[in-house]
Amino acid sequence: MIEPTLALQTAIRAKLTTTAAITALVEPDNIRAGYGRPEAMPAIVMSDGVTELHGHDYTAQRAAWVYLDLHVWSIDAGQDLAKEIAFAISGTLNKFKLQIPEGYVDHFRITRAVYPRDPDPKYGHAVLSVEALVRWIV
């Protein structure tokens, strides 16, 4: 199994890039891990995240809580498009169970959505915070 944060980012990207409701709004190449305001928009940029190792669940299993922020960026359509994309992401991630290689996502939820204003009003920005409990066998 790859590191839990990377596993969750990969699972989220796989789900978002194969869901028509998302790809109608954001090009799949613009859905990625990274930081900062992207050049190509609209975009979904996943933060590096945080992994809290939970220890052993049973003999050969490990578990960790993973926390990520998904930053949604838009241009020219401002906050309205950023909010529309964030809502589509919420609907997609709440509807489907995420799959990670060699492991399981036992718990997943979006914990909050915020819409910070960019100093330049032509940019829209939304941030979805997610948490997941992932488990894998060693």
Protein backbone atom coordinates (compact mmCIF):
# COMPACT_ATOMS: atom_id res chain seq x y z
CA MET A 1 0.00 0.00 0.00
CA ILE A 2 1.18 3.50 -0.72
CA GLU A 3 1.24 6.17 2.01
CA PRO A 4 -2.37 6.79 3.19
CA THR A 5 -2.56 10.43 2.08
CA LEU A 6 -1.36 9.52 -1.41
CA ALA A 7 -3.76 6.58 -1.52
CA LEU A 8 -6.71 8.82 -0.64
CA GLN A 9 -5.66 11.51 -3.15
CA THR A 10 -5.40 8.84 -5.85
CA ALA A 11 -8.84 7.42 -4.97
CA ILE A 12 -10.48 10.86 -4.98
CA ARG A 13 -8.85 11.81 -8.29
CA ALA A 14 -9.91 8.49 -9.86
CA LYS A 15 -13.52 9.05 -8.80
CA LEU A 16 -13.65 12.71 -9.88
CA THR A 17 -11.99 12.19 -13.28
CA THR A 18 -14.43 9.42 -14.20
CA THR A 19 -17.66 11.13 -13.13
CA ALA A 20 -19.48 13.01 -15.88
CA ALA A 21 -20.95 15.59 -13.49
CA ILE A 22 -17.39 16.64 -12.59
CA THR A 23 -15.71 16.37 -15.99
CA ALA A 24 -18.47 18.52 -17.49
CA LEU A 25 -17.18 21.32 -15.23
CA VAL A 26 -13.44 20.58 -14.86
CA GLU A 27 -11.02 19.01 -17.35
CA PRO A 28 -9.58 15.78 -15.87
CA ASP A 29 -6.01 17.10 -16.31
CA ASN A 30 -6.95 20.00 -14.01
CA ILE A 31 -7.77 17.64 -11.13
CA ARG A 32 -4.53 17.02 -9.26
CA ALA A 33 -2.53 17.24 -6.06
CA GLY A 34 -0.55 20.41 -5.44
CA TYR A 35 -0.76 23.85 -3.92
CA GLY A 36 -1.42 27.46 -4.83
CA ARG A 37 -3.60 29.01 -7.48
CA PRO A 38 -3.30 26.92 -10.66
CA GLU A 39 -2.62 28.29 -14.12
CA ALA A 40 -5.35 26.29 -15.87
CA MET A 41 -8.89 26.75 -14.55
CA PRO A 42 -11.38 25.62 -13.50
CA ALA A 43 -9.35 23.25 -11.36
CA ILE A 44 -9.49 21.01 -8.32
CA VAL A 45 -6.24 20.94 -6.35
CA MET A 46 -5.81 18.53 -3.42
CA SER A 47 -3.59 19.58 -0.53
CA ASP A 48 -0.70 17.47 0.79
CA GLY A 49 -2.93 16.55 3.72
CA VAL A 50 -2.27 15.06 7.12
CA THR A 51 -1.92 11.41 8.14
CA GLU A 52 -2.49 10.44 11.78
CA LEU A 53 -1.39 6.87 12.25
CA HIS A 54 -3.96 5.01 14.30
CA GLY A 55 -1.83 1.94 14.99
CA HIS A 56 -2.77 -1.72 14.77
CA ASP A 57 -6.29 -2.94 14.16
CA TYR A 58 -5.96 -6.69 14.63
CA THR A 59 -2.65 -8.45 14.01
CA ALA A 60 -1.75 -7.60 10.42
CA GLN A 61 -3.80 -4.45 9.83
CA ARG A 62 -2.81 -0.83 10.19
CA ALA A 63 -5.13 2.17 10.22
CA ALA A 64 -4.78 5.93 9.83
CA TRP A 65 -6.96 9.01 9.78
CA VAL A 66 -6.32 11.10 6.69
CA TYR A 67 -7.33 14.74 6.33
CA LEU A 68 -7.24 16.64 3.02
CA ASP A 69 -8.47 19.92 1.62
CA LEU A 70 -9.76 20.07 -1.94
CA HIS A 71 -9.33 23.56 -3.37
CA VAL A 72 -11.67 24.47 -6.22
CA TRP A 73 -10.57 27.33 -8.45
CA SER A 74 -12.49 29.11 -11.20
CA ILE A 75 -11.90 32.20 -13.28
CA ASP A 76 -14.26 34.71 -14.84
CA ALA A 77 -17.36 32.96 -13.43
CA GLY A 78 -16.22 33.85 -9.90
CA GLN A 79 -17.63 32.29 -6.77
CA ASP A 80 -20.73 30.90 -8.45
CA LEU A 81 -18.79 28.38 -10.54
CA ALA A 82 -16.51 27.47 -7.62
CA LYS A 83 -19.58 26.73 -5.50
CA GLU A 84 -21.21 24.72 -8.30
CA ILE A 85 -18.09 22.57 -8.68
CA ALA A 86 -17.78 22.12 -4.89
CA PHE A 87 -21.40 20.97 -4.73
CA ALA A 88 -20.82 18.50 -7.59
CA ILE A 89 -17.75 17.14 -5.78
CA SER A 90 -19.78 16.71 -2.58
CA GLY A 91 -22.48 14.84 -4.43
CA THR A 92 -19.98 12.57 -6.15
CA LEU A 93 -17.86 11.75 -3.10
CA ASN A 94 -20.89 11.19 -0.88
CA LYS A 95 -22.51 8.89 -3.44
CA PHE A 96 -19.69 6.45 -4.21
CA LYS A 97 -17.43 4.38 -1.94
CA LEU A 98 -13.77 5.18 -2.51
CA GLN A 99 -11.37 2.36 -3.34
CA ILE A 100 -7.68 2.36 -2.45
CA PRO A 101 -5.11 -0.17 -3.61
CA GLU A 102 -4.41 -2.92 -1.07
CA GLY A 103 -6.66 -1.30 1.53
CA TYR A 104 -10.05 0.00 2.57
CA VAL A 105 -11.72 3.33 3.22
CA ASP A 106 -13.83 2.52 6.27
CA HIS A 107 -15.08 6.06 6.88
CA PHE A 108 -15.24 9.08 4.57
CA ARG A 109 -16.98 12.39 4.96
CA ILE A 110 -16.78 15.98 3.89
CA THR A 111 -16.46 17.94 7.10
CA ARG A 112 -16.85 21.50 5.81
CA ALA A 113 -17.03 23.79 2.83
CA VAL A 114 -15.71 27.35 2.88
CA TYR A 115 -15.65 29.96 0.15
CA PRO A 116 -12.76 32.39 0.74
CA ARG A 117 -12.72 35.48 -1.43
CA ASP A 118 -9.69 35.98 -3.63
CA PRO A 119 -8.34 39.56 -3.70
CA ASP A 120 -8.95 39.50 -7.46
CA PRO A 121 -12.75 39.20 -7.95
CA LYS A 122 -12.39 37.36 -11.27
CA TYR A 123 -11.24 34.27 -9.33
CA GLY A 124 -13.58 31.96 -7.46
CA HIS A 125 -12.29 29.75 -4.67
CA ALA A 126 -13.91 27.00 -2.59
CA VAL A 127 -12.32 24.64 -0.09
CA LEU A 128 -13.78 21.26 0.87
CA SER A 129 -12.23 19.56 3.89
CA VAL A 130 -12.46 15.78 4.00
CA GLU A 131 -11.54 13.07 6.47
CA ALA A 132 -11.14 9.35 5.99
CA LEU A 133 -10.22 6.35 8.08
CA VAL A 134 -8.13 4.05 5.91
CA ARG A 135 -7.03 0.54 6.74
CA TRP A 136 -4.52 -1.74 5.07
CA ILE A 137 -2.88 -5.11 5.57
CA VAL A 138 0.88 -5.38 6.10
